[in-house]
Protein backbone atom coordinates (compact mmCIF):
# COMPACT_ATOMS: atom_id res chain seq x y z
CA MET A 1 113.62 96.52 71.05
CA SER A 2 113.42 98.69 74.14
CA ILE A 3 110.54 98.21 76.56
CA ALA A 4 108.73 101.14 78.15
CA PRO A 5 108.49 100.06 81.80
CA LEU A 6 105.38 100.41 83.92
CA THR A 7 105.54 102.14 87.29
CA LEU A 8 104.77 99.34 89.70
CA ALA A 9 102.77 99.80 92.88
CA ALA A 10 104.85 98.85 95.91
CA THR A 11 104.72 99.13 99.67
CA GLU A 12 107.81 100.00 101.70
CA ARG A 13 108.69 99.39 105.31
CA GLY A 14 111.84 99.37 107.42
CA ASP A 15 115.26 100.90 106.95
CA GLY A 16 118.58 99.48 105.80
CA PRO A 17 119.85 97.70 102.68
CA PRO A 18 117.01 97.47 100.13
CA VAL A 19 115.25 94.17 99.45
CA VAL A 20 112.73 93.95 96.61
CA ILE A 21 110.12 91.18 96.94
CA LEU A 22 108.28 89.78 93.91
CA HIS A 23 105.16 87.60 94.23
CA GLY A 24 103.94 84.76 92.05
CA LEU A 25 101.15 84.43 89.50
CA PHE A 26 97.73 85.63 90.75
CA GLY A 27 99.40 87.10 93.86
CA SER A 28 100.43 90.54 95.08
CA GLY A 29 102.96 92.14 97.37
CA ALA A 30 100.45 91.83 100.22
CA ASN A 31 101.02 88.04 100.23
CA TRP A 32 104.48 88.76 101.66
CA ALA A 33 103.35 90.97 104.57
CA THR A 34 104.45 88.56 107.31
CA VAL A 35 107.91 87.96 105.87
CA GLY A 36 108.27 91.62 104.91
CA LYS A 37 107.49 92.80 108.42
CA ARG A 38 110.18 90.52 109.83
CA LEU A 39 112.80 91.59 107.29
CA ALA A 40 111.97 95.25 107.89
CA ALA A 41 113.75 95.04 111.25
CA SER A 42 117.04 95.26 109.35
CA HIS A 43 116.21 96.09 105.73
CA ARG A 44 114.17 98.49 103.65
CA VAL A 45 111.63 96.10 102.22
CA ILE A 46 109.96 97.00 98.92
CA ALA A 47 107.11 94.57 98.16
CA ALA A 48 105.96 95.11 94.58
CA ASP A 49 102.80 94.27 92.67
CA LEU A 50 103.94 92.98 89.27
CA ARG A 51 102.27 94.24 86.10
CA ASN A 52 98.62 93.18 85.69
CA HIS A 53 98.49 92.27 89.40
CA GLY A 54 97.42 94.05 92.57
CA ALA A 55 97.42 97.84 92.30
CA SER A 56 99.93 97.98 89.45
CA PRO A 57 99.00 99.13 85.94
CA HIS A 58 97.49 96.83 83.36
CA ASP A 59 99.17 96.23 80.02
CA PRO A 60 98.62 93.71 77.20
CA ARG A 61 102.23 92.56 77.37
CA MET A 62 102.92 89.87 79.96
CA ASP A 63 106.37 88.29 79.60
CA TYR A 64 109.61 88.20 81.55
CA PRO A 65 111.52 90.88 79.59
CA ALA A 66 108.64 93.29 80.27
CA MET A 67 108.40 92.31 83.94
CA ALA A 68 112.17 92.67 84.33
CA ALA A 69 112.05 96.14 82.76
CA ASP A 70 109.41 97.18 85.32
CA ILE A 71 111.48 95.80 88.20
CA ALA A 72 114.62 97.52 86.91
CA ALA A 73 112.78 100.84 86.89
CA LEU A 74 111.54 100.17 90.44
CA ILE A 75 115.06 99.45 91.70
CA GLU A 76 116.42 102.54 89.99
CA ALA A 77 113.65 104.75 91.38
CA ARG A 78 113.11 103.34 94.86
CA GLY A 79 115.97 100.94 95.60
CA GLY A 80 118.90 103.29 95.12
CA GLY A 81 119.96 101.60 91.90
CA ARG A 82 120.91 98.26 93.43
CA ALA A 83 119.01 95.85 95.68
CA ALA A 84 118.73 92.29 96.87
CA VAL A 85 115.82 90.66 95.03
CA VAL A 86 113.56 87.89 96.37
CA GLY A 87 111.13 86.29 93.95
CA HIS A 88 108.62 83.46 94.29
CA SER A 89 107.46 81.34 91.34
CA MET A 90 106.63 83.78 88.50
CA GLY A 91 108.34 86.50 90.51
CA GLY A 92 111.38 84.24 90.84
CA LYS A 93 111.57 83.84 87.07
CA ALA A 94 111.25 87.60 86.59
CA ALA A 95 114.01 88.10 89.16
CA MET A 96 116.27 85.57 87.42
CA TRP A 97 115.76 87.26 84.05
CA LEU A 98 116.56 90.64 85.59
CA ALA A 99 119.75 89.25 87.13
CA LEU A 100 120.83 87.72 83.82
CA THR A 101 120.13 90.84 81.76
CA ARG A 102 120.75 93.68 84.25
CA PRO A 103 123.15 92.14 86.79
CA GLY A 104 124.37 95.51 88.06
CA LEU A 105 120.95 96.13 89.63
CA VAL A 106 120.89 92.88 91.63
CA GLU A 107 123.10 92.79 94.73
CA ARG A 108 122.05 89.20 95.50
CA LEU A 109 119.19 86.97 94.48
CA VAL A 110 116.76 84.64 96.27
CA VAL A 111 114.63 82.37 94.09
CA VAL A 112 111.75 80.66 95.86
CA ASP A 113 110.50 77.31 94.53
CA ILE A 114 111.04 77.77 90.81
CA ALA A 115 113.75 76.94 88.29
CA PRO A 116 114.76 78.61 84.98
CA VAL A 117 112.98 75.92 82.97
CA SER A 118 109.63 75.43 81.23
CA TYR A 119 106.65 73.88 83.02
CA ARG A 120 103.26 72.76 81.77
CA PRO A 121 100.85 75.75 81.65
CA THR A 122 98.40 74.16 84.06
CA LEU A 123 97.30 77.44 85.62
CA GLN A 124 95.73 78.68 82.38
CA SER A 125 92.54 76.89 83.44
CA TYR A 126 92.51 78.94 86.66
CA ALA A 127 92.57 82.20 84.73
CA ALA A 128 89.81 80.94 82.44
CA ALA A 129 87.69 79.91 85.42
CA MET A 130 88.08 83.33 87.03
CA ARG A 131 87.12 85.08 83.79
CA ALA A 132 84.03 82.87 83.58
CA VAL A 133 82.66 83.84 87.02
CA PRO A 134 79.36 85.70 86.37
CA LEU A 135 80.03 88.90 88.31
CA ARG A 136 76.94 90.89 89.26
CA ALA A 137 75.92 93.62 91.68
CA GLY A 138 75.14 92.28 95.13
CA MET A 139 77.15 89.13 94.60
CA ARG A 140 78.59 87.51 97.74
CA ARG A 141 82.04 85.97 98.08
CA ALA A 142 80.45 82.56 98.71
CA GLU A 143 78.79 82.70 95.28
CA ALA A 144 82.08 83.46 93.57
CA ASP A 145 83.71 80.63 95.52
CA ALA A 146 80.96 78.24 94.38
CA ALA A 147 81.41 79.34 90.76
CA LEU A 148 85.10 78.40 90.92
CA HIS A 149 84.61 75.10 92.74
CA GLU A 150 84.35 72.77 89.74
CA ALA A 151 87.48 74.11 88.02
CA ILE A 152 89.43 74.63 91.26
CA PRO A 153 88.42 72.02 93.87
CA ASP A 154 91.01 73.05 96.46
CA ALA A 155 89.43 75.49 98.95
CA GLY A 156 92.76 77.08 99.86
CA GLU A 157 93.59 77.82 96.24
CA ARG A 158 90.16 79.36 95.69
CA ALA A 159 90.57 81.53 98.79
CA PHE A 160 93.95 82.72 97.50
CA LEU A 161 92.50 83.61 94.08
CA LEU A 162 89.46 85.33 95.58
CA GLN A 163 91.74 87.78 97.40
CA ASN A 164 91.90 89.46 93.98
CA LEU A 165 88.14 90.08 93.81
CA ARG A 166 87.08 93.57 94.90
CA PHE A 167 83.51 93.91 96.14
CA ARG A 168 81.77 97.27 95.70
CA ALA A 169 78.60 98.71 97.19
CA ASP A 170 77.57 100.42 93.95
CA GLY A 171 78.16 97.74 91.32
CA PRO A 172 79.39 94.27 90.52
CA PRO A 173 82.68 93.06 91.99
CA GLU A 174 85.73 93.22 89.74
CA TRP A 175 89.02 91.40 89.46
CA ARG A 176 92.11 93.42 90.26
CA LEU A 177 94.02 91.06 87.98
CA ASN A 178 94.14 91.79 84.26
CA LEU A 179 92.87 88.34 83.37
CA ALA A 180 92.45 89.27 79.70
CA ALA A 181 96.24 89.69 79.49
CA ILE A 182 97.19 86.93 81.93
CA GLU A 183 95.15 84.01 80.53
CA PRO A 184 96.74 83.91 77.05
CA ALA A 185 100.17 84.59 78.57
CA VAL A 186 100.20 81.59 80.94
CA PRO A 187 102.22 79.42 78.49
CA THR A 188 104.80 82.23 78.27
CA ILE A 189 104.84 82.64 82.05
CA SER A 190 105.22 78.88 82.49
CA ALA A 191 108.28 78.88 80.22
CA PHE A 192 111.58 80.74 80.59
CA PRO A 193 113.19 82.91 77.92
CA ASP A 194 116.23 81.67 76.05
CA ALA A 195 119.29 83.27 77.62
CA SER A 196 121.98 84.51 75.28
CA GLU A 197 125.04 82.32 74.82
CA GLY A 198 127.28 82.58 77.86
CA ALA A 199 124.72 84.57 79.90
CA ARG A 200 125.16 84.16 83.63
CA TYR A 201 124.76 86.04 86.87
CA ASN A 202 127.87 85.79 89.03
CA GLY A 203 126.43 87.24 92.23
CA PRO A 204 125.32 85.18 95.23
CA VAL A 205 122.08 83.27 94.71
CA LEU A 206 119.97 81.23 97.13
CA PHE A 207 117.40 78.77 95.77
CA VAL A 208 114.82 77.88 98.44
CA SER A 209 112.36 75.11 97.68
CA GLY A 210 109.68 73.20 99.55
CA GLU A 211 110.22 69.56 100.43
CA ARG A 212 106.73 68.65 99.17
CA SER A 213 107.07 70.65 95.94
CA ASP A 214 108.45 69.28 92.67
CA TYR A 215 109.14 72.64 91.01
CA VAL A 216 112.90 72.49 91.70
CA ARG A 217 114.19 69.01 90.97
CA PRO A 218 117.71 67.59 91.14
CA GLU A 219 117.80 67.42 87.34
CA HIS A 220 117.34 71.21 87.24
CA HIS A 221 120.52 71.90 89.22
CA GLY A 222 122.80 71.69 86.20
CA ARG A 223 120.80 74.31 84.32
CA ILE A 224 120.64 76.52 87.41
CA LEU A 225 124.40 76.34 87.99
CA ALA A 226 125.14 77.10 84.34
CA LEU A 227 123.28 80.41 84.68
CA PHE A 228 123.97 81.08 88.37
CA PRO A 229 127.37 79.53 89.20
CA ARG A 230 127.31 80.76 92.82
CA ALA A 231 123.91 79.23 93.57
CA THR A 232 123.30 77.39 96.81
CA PHE A 233 120.24 75.28 97.59
CA VAL A 234 118.02 74.97 100.66
CA VAL A 235 115.01 72.67 101.02
CA VAL A 236 112.46 73.64 103.68
CA PRO A 237 111.07 70.51 105.41
CA GLY A 238 107.34 69.97 105.18
CA ALA A 239 106.69 72.95 102.88
CA GLY A 240 105.05 72.89 99.48
CA HIS A 241 105.22 75.48 96.70
CA TRP A 242 104.12 78.34 98.98
CA VAL A 243 107.22 78.00 101.15
CA HIS A 244 107.09 81.48 102.70
CA ALA A 245 103.42 81.10 103.70
CA GLU A 246 103.45 77.43 104.73
CA ALA A 247 106.67 77.47 106.77
CA PRO A 248 107.56 81.12 107.48
CA GLU A 249 109.95 80.47 110.36
CA PRO A 250 112.13 77.85 108.60
CA PHE A 251 111.99 79.99 105.46
CA LEU A 252 113.21 83.05 107.35
CA ARG A 253 115.98 81.02 108.98
CA ALA A 254 117.31 80.36 105.49
CA LEU A 255 116.63 83.84 104.14
CA GLU A 256 117.81 86.19 106.90
CA PRO A 257 121.48 85.08 107.11
CA PHE A 258 121.78 85.23 103.33
CA LEU A 259 120.37 88.75 103.15
CA ALA A 260 122.44 89.85 106.17
CA MET A 261 125.57 89.36 104.08
CA ALA A 262 124.52 92.43 102.08
CA ALA A 263 124.23 94.63 105.18
């Protein structure tokens, strides 16, 4: 069944071979501003907001075929029909599915700290906690932070999630995320679709993971290489799941030479 793609919001900077950047769950293209600015010295960087995130449209459907259809439309409209694609976490899974199903659109692929496997849907509780925050006019960020504290004890994680809360002078704050669509979809997002028999992407692929993260494990390498036979692996010392934010310089040292091969 064909999917009607959404027109994703995206920011562009720089000039050169196109690079599309895809964020993770609860994020937005703005999370990649530092890396995007650096890459823009030699590339046209297109940092997208995925469906139900950031400034992009909301839709009840939240799965990888739908996300890949949106990204395909973005590459066709703004990337000249073919682009390098960099995706983190959920964005990495969307990028992998795009490469497997529409390989002609993906010049090369960078997957950041995620594998094409299923994980436990632990972040569903985060979406539920955000939906449960009692938003009201005049509310301060500190109150929203306090409301999330029990469900999300880590202050850094709460700060990241609260970037999605828009405060208004004339009414209660509102979430930019479509939490009504995201919360029930977390098990789907945590999984990975079944690829058709023999499906593979034969272009160059770089898997970058954080040393302190367990999202990409040695036992995943066989599955990765079955789908992406030209995959290479880099582990960034000292970094966790948010490799690009926690260790931007080592991350860029791995990323820039790989992307330069497309220039």
